[in-house]
Amino acid sequence: MKQKNNSIMKTTEEILGIIVSNISKIVPDLSQENINRNAKLSPLGLDLVGKAELIEMTLEELNTDISRKELYIVDSIGELADQFANKLKSTLV
């Protein structure tokens, strides 16, 4: 049975804010101007390991344990936020 938690109520924009904050922690020298919804993760300095760290930090902050499979195939910050939001919505079903 799937468990309800506070993360379910987060909007895509709130999730986007969490992701941006986590990117700033992982790549502290990155200019905030470069971090936006359309920004690709690799040019921001997030290789496979960095992306994994970002996903795990975001999952922890959202207090959820959803499948990670689709999270690893996205390329941009916005796509990642959308995937998190979709995954969280699916836990309501």
C-alpha atoms as a PDB file:
ATOM      1  CA  MET A   1       0.000   0.000   0.000  1.00  0.00           C
ATOM      2  CA  LYS A   2       1.312   3.419  -0.937  1.00  0.00           C
ATOM      3  CA  GLN A   3       1.841   5.878   1.834  1.00  0.00           C
ATOM      4  CA  LYS A   4       0.603   9.478   1.891  1.00  0.00           C
ATOM      5  CA  ASN A   5       3.060  12.125   3.012  1.00  0.00           C
ATOM      6  CA  ASN A   6       3.545  15.890   2.942  1.00  0.00           C
ATOM      7  CA  SER A   7       5.421  15.798  -0.367  1.00  0.00           C
ATOM      8  CA  ILE A   8       2.238  14.899  -2.251  1.00  0.00           C
ATOM      9  CA  MET A   9       0.947  18.422  -1.757  1.00  0.00           C
ATOM     10  CA  LYS A  10       3.990  20.031  -3.404  1.00  0.00           C
ATOM     11  CA  THR A  11       3.465  21.801  -6.718  1.00  0.00           C
ATOM     12  CA  THR A  12       5.832  21.421  -9.630  1.00  0.00           C
ATOM     13  CA  GLU A  13       7.127  24.942  -8.925  1.00  0.00           C
ATOM     14  CA  GLU A  14       7.828  24.062  -5.277  1.00  0.00           C
ATOM     15  CA  ILE A  15       9.675  20.944  -6.401  1.00  0.00           C
ATOM     16  CA  LEU A  16      11.592  23.060  -8.919  1.00  0.00           C
ATOM     17  CA  GLY A  17      12.674  25.342  -6.062  1.00  0.00           C
ATOM     18  CA  ILE A  18      13.912  22.350  -4.069  1.00  0.00           C
ATOM     19  CA  ILE A  19      15.875  21.077  -7.081  1.00  0.00           C
ATOM     20  CA  VAL A  20      17.451  24.505  -7.688  1.00  0.00           C
ATOM     21  CA  SER A  21      18.430  24.747  -4.020  1.00  0.00           C
ATOM     22  CA  ASN A  22      19.982  21.267  -4.145  1.00  0.00           C
ATOM     23  CA  ILE A  23      21.909  22.082  -7.326  1.00  0.00           C
ATOM     24  CA  SER A  24      23.360  25.108  -5.530  1.00  0.00           C
ATOM     25  CA  LYS A  25      24.557  22.804  -2.740  1.00  0.00           C
ATOM     26  CA  ILE A  26      26.122  20.300  -5.146  1.00  0.00           C
ATOM     27  CA  VAL A  27      27.737  22.910  -7.429  1.00  0.00           C
ATOM     28  CA  PRO A  28      28.252  25.899  -5.090  1.00  0.00           C
ATOM     29  CA  ASP A  29      30.265  27.988  -7.577  1.00  0.00           C
ATOM     30  CA  LEU A  30      27.463  27.901 -10.159  1.00  0.00           C
ATOM     31  CA  SER A  31      25.865  31.251 -10.935  1.00  0.00           C
ATOM     32  CA  GLN A  32      22.163  31.399 -10.064  1.00  0.00           C
ATOM     33  CA  GLU A  33      21.575  32.991 -13.484  1.00  0.00           C
ATOM     34  CA  ASN A  34      22.439  29.655 -15.104  1.00  0.00           C
ATOM     35  CA  ILE A  35      19.892  27.717 -13.069  1.00  0.00           C
ATOM     36  CA  ASN A  36      16.440  27.836 -14.630  1.00  0.00           C
ATOM     37  CA  ARG A  37      13.680  25.464 -15.684  1.00  0.00           C
ATOM     38  CA  ASN A  38      15.161  24.910 -19.157  1.00  0.00           C
ATOM     39  CA  ALA A  39      18.773  24.445 -18.046  1.00  0.00           C
ATOM     40  CA  LYS A  40      20.339  21.109 -18.950  1.00  0.00           C
ATOM     41  CA  LEU A  41      21.927  19.236 -16.056  1.00  0.00           C
ATOM     42  CA  SER A  42      25.237  18.217 -17.677  1.00  0.00           C
ATOM     43  CA  PRO A  43      26.393  21.752 -18.606  1.00  0.00           C
ATOM     44  CA  LEU A  44      25.670  22.781 -15.007  1.00  0.00           C
ATOM     45  CA  GLY A  45      28.310  20.315 -13.855  1.00  0.00           C
ATOM     46  CA  LEU A  46      25.982  17.482 -12.926  1.00  0.00           C
ATOM     47  CA  ASP A  47      27.414  14.306 -14.396  1.00  0.00           C
ATOM     48  CA  LEU A  48      25.853  10.925 -13.639  1.00  0.00           C
ATOM     49  CA  VAL A  49      27.122  10.987 -10.056  1.00  0.00           C
ATOM     50  CA  GLY A  50      25.966  14.584  -9.574  1.00  0.00           C
ATOM     51  CA  LYS A  51      22.538  13.754 -10.982  1.00  0.00           C
ATOM     52  CA  ALA A  52      22.276  10.778  -8.622  1.00  0.00           C
ATOM     53  CA  GLU A  53      23.180  13.007  -5.682  1.00  0.00           C
ATOM     54  CA  LEU A  54      20.610  15.599  -6.792  1.00  0.00           C
ATOM     55  CA  ILE A  55      17.875  12.972  -7.079  1.00  0.00           C
ATOM     56  CA  GLU A  56      18.667  11.471  -3.671  1.00  0.00           C
ATOM     57  CA  MET A  57      18.798  14.894  -1.973  1.00  0.00           C
ATOM     58  CA  THR A  58      15.481  15.859  -3.534  1.00  0.00           C
ATOM     59  CA  LEU A  59      13.836  12.569  -2.563  1.00  0.00           C
ATOM     60  CA  GLU A  60      15.040  13.071   0.998  1.00  0.00           C
ATOM     61  CA  GLU A  61      13.728  16.627   1.143  1.00  0.00           C
ATOM     62  CA  LEU A  62      10.386  15.531  -0.297  1.00  0.00           C
ATOM     63  CA  ASN A  63      10.316  12.751   2.302  1.00  0.00           C
ATOM     64  CA  THR A  64       9.383  10.124  -0.246  1.00  0.00           C
ATOM     65  CA  ASP A  65      10.740   6.961  -1.756  1.00  0.00           C
ATOM     66  CA  ILE A  66       9.479   6.761  -5.327  1.00  0.00           C
ATOM     67  CA  SER A  67      10.892   4.813  -8.242  1.00  0.00           C
ATOM     68  CA  ARG A  68      14.004   6.497  -9.607  1.00  0.00           C
ATOM     69  CA  LYS A  69      14.038   4.907 -13.065  1.00  0.00           C
ATOM     70  CA  GLU A  70      12.369   7.769 -14.968  1.00  0.00           C
ATOM     71  CA  LEU A  71      14.205  10.390 -12.923  1.00  0.00           C
ATOM     72  CA  TYR A  72      17.578   9.369 -14.336  1.00  0.00           C
ATOM     73  CA  ILE A  73      16.616   9.759 -18.002  1.00  0.00           C
ATOM     74  CA  VAL A  74      15.677  13.449 -17.916  1.00  0.00           C
ATOM     75  CA  ASP A  75      18.015  16.145 -19.217  1.00  0.00           C
ATOM     76  CA  SER A  76      16.741  19.432 -17.790  1.00  0.00           C
ATOM     77  CA  ILE A  77      15.807  20.861 -14.417  1.00  0.00           C
ATOM     78  CA  GLY A  78      12.204  21.384 -15.534  1.00  0.00           C
ATOM     79  CA  GLU A  79      11.859  17.821 -16.798  1.00  0.00           C
ATOM     80  CA  LEU A  80      13.172  16.553 -13.487  1.00  0.00           C
ATOM     81  CA  ALA A  81      10.669  18.687 -11.544  1.00  0.00           C
ATOM     82  CA  ASP A  82       7.859  17.449 -13.797  1.00  0.00           C
ATOM     83  CA  GLN A  83       8.901  13.811 -13.288  1.00  0.00           C
ATOM     84  CA  PHE A  84       8.994  14.252  -9.510  1.00  0.00           C
ATOM     85  CA  ALA A  85       5.537  15.883  -9.575  1.00  0.00           C
ATOM     86  CA  ASN A  86       4.096  13.122 -11.770  1.00  0.00           C
ATOM     87  CA  LYS A  87       5.592  10.415  -9.578  1.00  0.00           C
ATOM     88  CA  LEU A  88       4.205  12.033  -6.434  1.00  0.00           C
ATOM     89  CA  LYS A  89       0.747  12.359  -7.999  1.00  0.00           C
ATOM     90  CA  SER A  90       0.807   8.687  -8.937  1.00  0.00           C
ATOM     91  CA  THR A  91       1.266   7.765  -5.275  1.00  0.00           C
ATOM     92  CA  LEU A  92      -2.243   9.108  -4.674  1.00  0.00           C
ATOM     93  CA  VAL A  93      -3.782   6.396  -6.819  1.00  0.00           C
END
